[in-house]
PDB file of N, CA and C in Angstrom:
ATOM      1  N   MET A   1      83.908  95.786 -79.960  1.00  0.00           N
ATOM      2  CA  MET A   1      83.300  94.713 -80.699  1.00  0.00           C
ATOM      3  C   MET A   1      84.295  94.080 -81.666  1.00  0.00           C
ATOM      4  N   THR A   2      85.527  94.507 -81.609  1.00  0.00           N
ATOM      5  CA  THR A   2      86.496  93.956 -82.547  1.00  0.00           C
ATOM      6  C   THR A   2      86.725  92.472 -82.351  1.00  0.00           C
ATOM      7  N   GLU A   3      86.623  91.977 -81.128  1.00  0.00           N
ATOM      8  CA  GLU A   3      86.807  90.539 -80.906  1.00  0.00           C
ATOM      9  C   GLU A   3      85.694  89.753 -81.577  1.00  0.00           C
ATOM     10  N   ILE A   4      84.489  90.253 -81.505  1.00  0.00           N
ATOM     11  CA  ILE A   4      83.370  89.577 -82.156  1.00  0.00           C
ATOM     12  C   ILE A   4      83.533  89.661 -83.665  1.00  0.00           C
ATOM     13  N   LEU A   5      83.939  90.823 -84.161  1.00  0.00           N
ATOM     14  CA  LEU A   5      84.182  90.982 -85.595  1.00  0.00           C
ATOM     15  C   LEU A   5      85.256  90.008 -86.068  1.00  0.00           C
ATOM     16  N   ASN A   6      86.339  89.910 -85.317  1.00  0.00           N
ATOM     17  CA  ASN A   6      87.401  88.980 -85.681  1.00  0.00           C
ATOM     18  C   ASN A   6      86.870  87.561 -85.795  1.00  0.00           C
ATOM     19  N   GLY A   7      86.098  87.150 -84.821  1.00  0.00           N
ATOM     20  CA  GLY A   7      85.546  85.799 -84.830  1.00  0.00           C
ATOM     21  C   GLY A   7      84.639  85.552 -86.024  1.00  0.00           C
ATOM     22  N   LEU A   8      83.781  86.525 -86.347  1.00  0.00           N
ATOM     23  CA  LEU A   8      82.879  86.379 -87.486  1.00  0.00           C
ATOM     24  C   LEU A   8      83.642  86.268 -88.799  1.00  0.00           C
ATOM     25  N   VAL A   9      84.592  87.164 -89.003  1.00  0.00           N
ATOM     26  CA  VAL A   9      85.337  87.185 -90.262  1.00  0.00           C
ATOM     27  C   VAL A   9      86.209  85.936 -90.397  1.00  0.00           C
ATOM     28  N   LEU A  10      86.920  85.575 -89.340  1.00  0.00           N
ATOM     29  CA  LEU A  10      87.782  84.399 -89.410  1.00  0.00           C
ATOM     30  C   LEU A  10      86.969  83.139 -89.667  1.00  0.00           C
ATOM     31  N   ALA A  11      85.832  82.993 -89.011  1.00  0.00           N
ATOM     32  CA  ALA A  11      84.986  81.819 -89.232  1.00  0.00           C
ATOM     33  C   ALA A  11      84.459  81.798 -90.656  1.00  0.00           C
ATOM     34  N   ASP A  12      84.031  82.936 -91.150  1.00  0.00           N
ATOM     35  CA  ASP A  12      83.486  83.020 -92.506  1.00  0.00           C
ATOM     36  C   ASP A  12      84.534  82.675 -93.550  1.00  0.00           C
ATOM     37  N   LEU A  13      85.763  83.068 -93.311  1.00  0.00           N
ATOM     38  CA  LEU A  13      86.832  82.817 -94.278  1.00  0.00           C
ATOM     39  C   LEU A  13      87.527  81.477 -94.049  1.00  0.00           C
ATOM     40  N   GLY A  14      87.106  80.750 -93.012  1.00  0.00           N
ATOM     41  CA  GLY A  14      87.685  79.440 -92.744  1.00  0.00           C
ATOM     42  C   GLY A  14      89.098  79.496 -92.203  1.00  0.00           C
ATOM     43  N   ILE A  15      89.417  80.559 -91.502  1.00  0.00           N
ATOM     44  CA  ILE A  15      90.752  80.729 -90.924  1.00  0.00           C
ATOM     45  C   ILE A  15      90.684  80.346 -89.450  1.00  0.00           C
ATOM     46  N   ALA A  16      91.625  79.519 -89.015  1.00  0.00           N
ATOM     47  CA  ALA A  16      91.644  79.101 -87.612  1.00  0.00           C
ATOM     48  C   ALA A  16      91.870  80.305 -86.710  1.00  0.00           C
ATOM     49  N   HIS A  17      91.207  80.298 -85.604  1.00  0.00           N
ATOM     50  CA  HIS A  17      91.330  81.381 -84.630  1.00  0.00           C
ATOM     51  C   HIS A  17      91.621  80.759 -83.273  1.00  0.00           C
ATOM     52  N   HIS A  18      92.657  81.194 -82.649  1.00  0.00           N
ATOM     53  CA  HIS A  18      93.042  80.687 -81.338  1.00  0.00           C
ATOM     54  C   HIS A  18      93.014  81.852 -80.354  1.00  0.00           C
ATOM     55  N   PRO A  19      91.846  82.067 -79.719  1.00  0.00           N
ATOM     56  CA  PRO A  19      91.740  83.200 -78.807  1.00  0.00           C
ATOM     57  C   PRO A  19      92.666  83.085 -77.605  1.00  0.00           C
ATOM     58  N   ARG A  20      93.088  84.221 -77.144  1.00  0.00           N
ATOM     59  CA  ARG A  20      93.924  84.305 -75.952  1.00  0.00           C
ATOM     60  C   ARG A  20      93.032  84.678 -74.766  1.00  0.00           C
ATOM     61  N   PRO A  21      93.509  84.460 -73.548  1.00  0.00           N
ATOM     62  CA  PRO A  21      92.698  84.804 -72.372  1.00  0.00           C
ATOM     63  C   PRO A  21      92.279  86.275 -72.346  1.00  0.00           C
ATOM     64  N   ASP A  22      93.129  87.164 -72.854  1.00  0.00           N
ATOM     65  CA  ASP A  22      92.743  88.580 -72.825  1.00  0.00           C
ATOM     66  C   ASP A  22      91.619  88.882 -73.801  1.00  0.00           C
ATOM     67  N   HIS A  23      91.423  88.051 -74.811  1.00  0.00           N
ATOM     68  CA  HIS A  23      90.272  88.234 -75.700  1.00  0.00           C
ATOM     69  C   HIS A  23      88.976  88.015 -74.919  1.00  0.00           C
ATOM     70  N   ALA A  24      88.946  86.934 -74.139  1.00  0.00           N
ATOM     71  CA  ALA A  24      87.763  86.646 -73.334  1.00  0.00           C
ATOM     72  C   ALA A  24      87.513  87.760 -72.327  1.00  0.00           C
ATOM     73  N   ALA A  25      88.563  88.286 -71.745  1.00  0.00           N
ATOM     74  CA  ALA A  25      88.420  89.376 -70.779  1.00  0.00           C
ATOM     75  C   ALA A  25      87.814  90.610 -71.448  1.00  0.00           C
ATOM     76  N   TYR A  26      88.224  90.869 -72.674  1.00  0.00           N
ATOM     77  CA  TYR A  26      87.668  92.016 -73.398  1.00  0.00           C
ATOM     78  C   TYR A  26      86.184  91.813 -73.658  1.00  0.00           C
ATOM     79  N   VAL A  27      85.826  90.640 -74.151  1.00  0.00           N
ATOM     80  CA  VAL A  27      84.417  90.368 -74.425  1.00  0.00           C
ATOM     81  C   VAL A  27      83.611  90.443 -73.130  1.00  0.00           C
ATOM     82  N   ALA A  28      84.158  89.931 -72.039  1.00  0.00           N
ATOM     83  CA  ALA A  28      83.472  90.006 -70.745  1.00  0.00           C
ATOM     84  C   ALA A  28      83.255  91.452 -70.319  1.00  0.00           C
ATOM     85  N   SER A  29      84.165  92.334 -70.701  1.00  0.00           N
ATOM     86  CA  SER A  29      84.013  93.743 -70.326  1.00  0.00           C
ATOM     87  C   SER A  29      82.810  94.382 -70.997  1.00  0.00           C
ATOM     88  N   LEU A  30      82.321  93.761 -72.039  1.00  0.00           N
ATOM     89  CA  LEU A  30      81.148  94.291 -72.731  1.00  0.00           C
ATOM     90  C   LEU A  30      79.882  94.132 -71.899  1.00  0.00           C
ATOM     91  N   LEU A  31      79.960  93.405 -70.802  1.00  0.00           N
ATOM     92  CA  LEU A  31      78.799  93.235 -69.945  1.00  0.00           C
ATOM     93  C   LEU A  31      78.308  94.560 -69.380  1.00  0.00           C
ATOM     94  N   VAL A  32      79.137  95.582 -69.451  1.00  0.00           N
ATOM     95  CA  VAL A  32      78.677  96.897 -68.988  1.00  0.00           C
ATOM     96  C   VAL A  32      77.527  97.392 -69.857  1.00  0.00           C
ATOM     97  N   LEU A  33      77.365  96.789 -71.025  1.00  0.00           N
ATOM     98  CA  LEU A  33      76.275  97.182 -71.915  1.00  0.00           C
ATOM     99  C   LEU A  33      74.920  96.694 -71.418  1.00  0.00           C
ATOM    100  N   LYS A  34      74.913  95.860 -70.376  1.00  0.00           N
ATOM    101  CA  LYS A  34      73.652  95.307 -69.888  1.00  0.00           C
ATOM    102  C   LYS A  34      72.704  96.377 -69.356  1.00  0.00           C
ATOM    103  N   ASP A  35      73.222  97.553 -69.041  1.00  0.00           N
ATOM    104  CA  ASP A  35      72.367  98.635 -68.557  1.00  0.00           C
ATOM    105  C   ASP A  35      71.467  99.186 -69.659  1.00  0.00           C
ATOM    106  N   ASP A  36      71.839  98.955 -70.902  1.00  0.00           N
ATOM    107  CA  ASP A  36      71.029  99.383 -72.034  1.00  0.00           C
ATOM    108  C   ASP A  36      70.736  98.142 -72.869  1.00  0.00           C
ATOM    109  N   PRO A  37      69.538  97.576 -72.743  1.00  0.00           N
ATOM    110  CA  PRO A  37      69.220  96.319 -73.416  1.00  0.00           C
ATOM    111  C   PRO A  37      69.425  96.355 -74.939  1.00  0.00           C
ATOM    112  N   LYS A  38      69.305  97.502 -75.540  1.00  0.00           N
ATOM    113  CA  LYS A  38      69.449  97.601 -76.994  1.00  0.00           C
ATOM    114  C   LYS A  38      70.900  97.766 -77.434  1.00  0.00           C
ATOM    115  N   ALA A  39      71.774  98.160 -76.533  1.00  0.00           N
ATOM    116  CA  ALA A  39      73.149  98.492 -76.907  1.00  0.00           C
ATOM    117  C   ALA A  39      73.878  97.308 -77.520  1.00  0.00           C
ATOM    118  N   ILE A  40      73.762  96.119 -76.955  1.00  0.00           N
ATOM    119  CA  ILE A  40      74.490  94.973 -77.480  1.00  0.00           C
ATOM    120  C   ILE A  40      73.965  94.598 -78.864  1.00  0.00           C
ATOM    121  N   PHE A  41      72.667  94.748 -79.092  1.00  0.00           N
ATOM    122  CA  PHE A  41      72.100  94.433 -80.400  1.00  0.00           C
ATOM    123  C   PHE A  41      72.547  95.438 -81.457  1.00  0.00           C
ATOM    124  N   ILE A  42      72.611  96.696 -81.074  1.00  0.00           N
ATOM    125  CA  ILE A  42      73.100  97.724 -82.001  1.00  0.00           C
ATOM    126  C   ILE A  42      74.565  97.474 -82.318  1.00  0.00           C
ATOM    127  N   ALA A  43      75.359  97.203 -81.285  1.00  0.00           N
ATOM    128  CA  ALA A  43      76.785  96.940 -81.499  1.00  0.00           C
ATOM    129  C   ALA A  43      76.987  95.684 -82.346  1.00  0.00           C
ATOM    130  N   ALA A  44      76.238  94.634 -82.071  1.00  0.00           N
ATOM    131  CA  ALA A  44      76.361  93.399 -82.853  1.00  0.00           C
ATOM    132  C   ALA A  44      75.947  93.627 -84.304  1.00  0.00           C
ATOM    133  N   SER A  45      74.929  94.433 -84.521  1.00  0.00           N
ATOM    134  CA  SER A  45      74.495  94.742 -85.880  1.00  0.00           C
ATOM    135  C   SER A  45      75.585  95.485 -86.650  1.00  0.00           C
ATOM    136  N   LYS A  46      76.186  96.464 -86.005  1.00  0.00           N
ATOM    137  CA  LYS A  46      77.274  97.215 -86.643  1.00  0.00           C
ATOM    138  C   LYS A  46      78.470  96.300 -86.913  1.00  0.00           C
ATOM    139  N   THR A  47      78.724  95.383 -85.971  1.00  0.00           N
ATOM    140  CA  THR A  47      79.815  94.434 -86.151  1.00  0.00           C
ATOM    141  C   THR A  47      79.546  93.545 -87.353  1.00  0.00           C
ATOM    142  N   GLN A  48      78.310  93.065 -87.487  1.00  0.00           N
ATOM    143  CA  GLN A  48      77.959  92.218 -88.632  1.00  0.00           C
ATOM    144  C   GLN A  48      78.087  92.998 -89.933  1.00  0.00           C
ATOM    145  N   GLN A  49      77.693  94.255 -89.949  1.00  0.00           N
ATOM    146  CA  GLN A  49      77.844  95.082 -91.143  1.00  0.00           C
ATOM    147  C   GLN A  49      79.313  95.195 -91.533  1.00  0.00           C
ATOM    148  N   ALA A  50      80.170  95.384 -90.554  1.00  0.00           N
ATOM    149  CA  ALA A  50      81.605  95.472 -90.838  1.00  0.00           C
ATOM    150  C   ALA A  50      82.133  94.148 -91.374  1.00  0.00           C
ATOM    151  N   ALA A  51      81.696  93.040 -90.790  1.00  0.00           N
ATOM    152  CA  ALA A  51      82.130  91.719 -91.259  1.00  0.00           C
ATOM    153  C   ALA A  51      81.654  91.477 -92.689  1.00  0.00           C
ATOM    154  N   ASP A  52      80.419  91.837 -92.978  1.00  0.00           N
ATOM    155  CA  ASP A  52      79.880  91.670 -94.336  1.00  0.00           C
ATOM    156  C   ASP A  52      80.687  92.495 -95.335  1.00  0.00           C
ATOM    157  N   TRP A  53      81.027  93.723 -94.957  1.00  0.00           N
ATOM    158  CA  TRP A  53      81.806  94.581 -95.852  1.00  0.00           C
ATOM    159  C   TRP A  53      83.181  93.983 -96.099  1.00  0.00           C
ATOM    160  N   MET A  54      83.827  93.515 -95.023  1.00  0.00           N
ATOM    161  CA  MET A  54      85.158  92.929 -95.180  1.00  0.00           C
ATOM    162  C   MET A  54      85.108  91.690 -96.063  1.00  0.00           C
ATOM    163  N   HIS A  55      84.076  90.882 -95.878  1.00  0.00           N
ATOM    164  CA  HIS A  55      83.944  89.680 -96.704  1.00  0.00           C
ATOM    165  C   HIS A  55      83.733  90.057 -98.172  1.00  0.00           C
ATOM    166  N   ALA A  56      82.963  91.092 -98.411  1.00  0.00           N
ATOM    167  CA  ALA A  56      82.687  91.529 -99.784  1.00  0.00           C
ATOM    168  C   ALA A  56      83.946  92.037-100.488  1.00  0.00           C
ATOM    169  N   GLN A  57      84.958  92.437 -99.729  1.00  0.00           N
ATOM    170  CA  GLN A  57      86.196  92.934-100.321  1.00  0.00           C
ATOM    171  C   GLN A  57      87.113  91.815-100.797  1.00  0.00           C
ATOM    172  N   GLN A  58      86.790  90.577-100.423  1.00  0.00           N
ATOM    173  CA  GLN A  58      87.621  89.440-100.817  1.00  0.00           C
ATOM    174  C   GLN A  58      87.444  89.173-102.314  1.00  0.00           C
ATOM    175  N   PRO A  59      88.520  88.794-102.991  1.00  0.00           N
ATOM    176  CA  PRO A  59      88.399  88.503-104.419  1.00  0.00           C
ATOM    177  C   PRO A  59      87.513  87.279-104.641  1.00  0.00           C
ATOM    178  N   GLU A  60      86.822  87.283-105.750  1.00  0.00           N
ATOM    179  CA  GLU A  60      85.984  86.149-106.123  1.00  0.00           C
ATOM    180  C   GLU A  60      86.868  84.940-106.379  1.00  0.00           C
ATOM    181  N   THR A  61      86.419  83.784-105.961  1.00  0.00           N
ATOM    182  CA  THR A  61      87.158  82.558-106.245  1.00  0.00           C
ATOM    183  C   THR A  61      86.378  81.747-107.266  1.00  0.00           C
ATOM    184  N   GLN A  62      87.110  81.012-108.069  1.00  0.00           N
ATOM    185  CA  GLN A  62      86.475  80.169-109.085  1.00  0.00           C
ATOM    186  C   GLN A  62      86.601  78.723-108.670  1.00  0.00           C
ATOM    187  N   ASP A  63      85.521  77.974-108.872  1.00  0.00           N
ATOM    188  CA  ASP A  63      85.567  76.542-108.605  1.00  0.00           C
ATOM    189  C   ASP A  63      86.393  75.877-109.674  1.00  0.00           C
ATOM    190  N   LEU A  64      87.309  75.014-109.264  1.00  0.00           N
ATOM    191  CA  LEU A  64      88.148  74.298-110.215  1.00  0.00           C
ATOM    192  C   LEU A  64      87.561  72.943-110.571  1.00  0.00           C
ATOM    193  N   ALA A  65      86.429  72.610-109.998  1.00  0.00           N
ATOM    194  CA  ALA A  65      85.811  71.309-110.254  1.00  0.00           C
ATOM    195  C   ALA A  65      85.048  71.296-111.559  1.00  0.00           C
TER     196      ALA A  65
END
């Protein structure tokens, strides 16, 4: 789920992300989770928790306006 985590964190922080073809191949490999309908939701939830934690570690910014 690291590719999904990367996408969430980079988008949240406003950092450009230029995926490579092997990133898509990795995400496509997650289709093996289709045998367990809940697995992708559990994995996505854990990924979101990790993204939220990483975002919370960022220093506070002050508006200069």
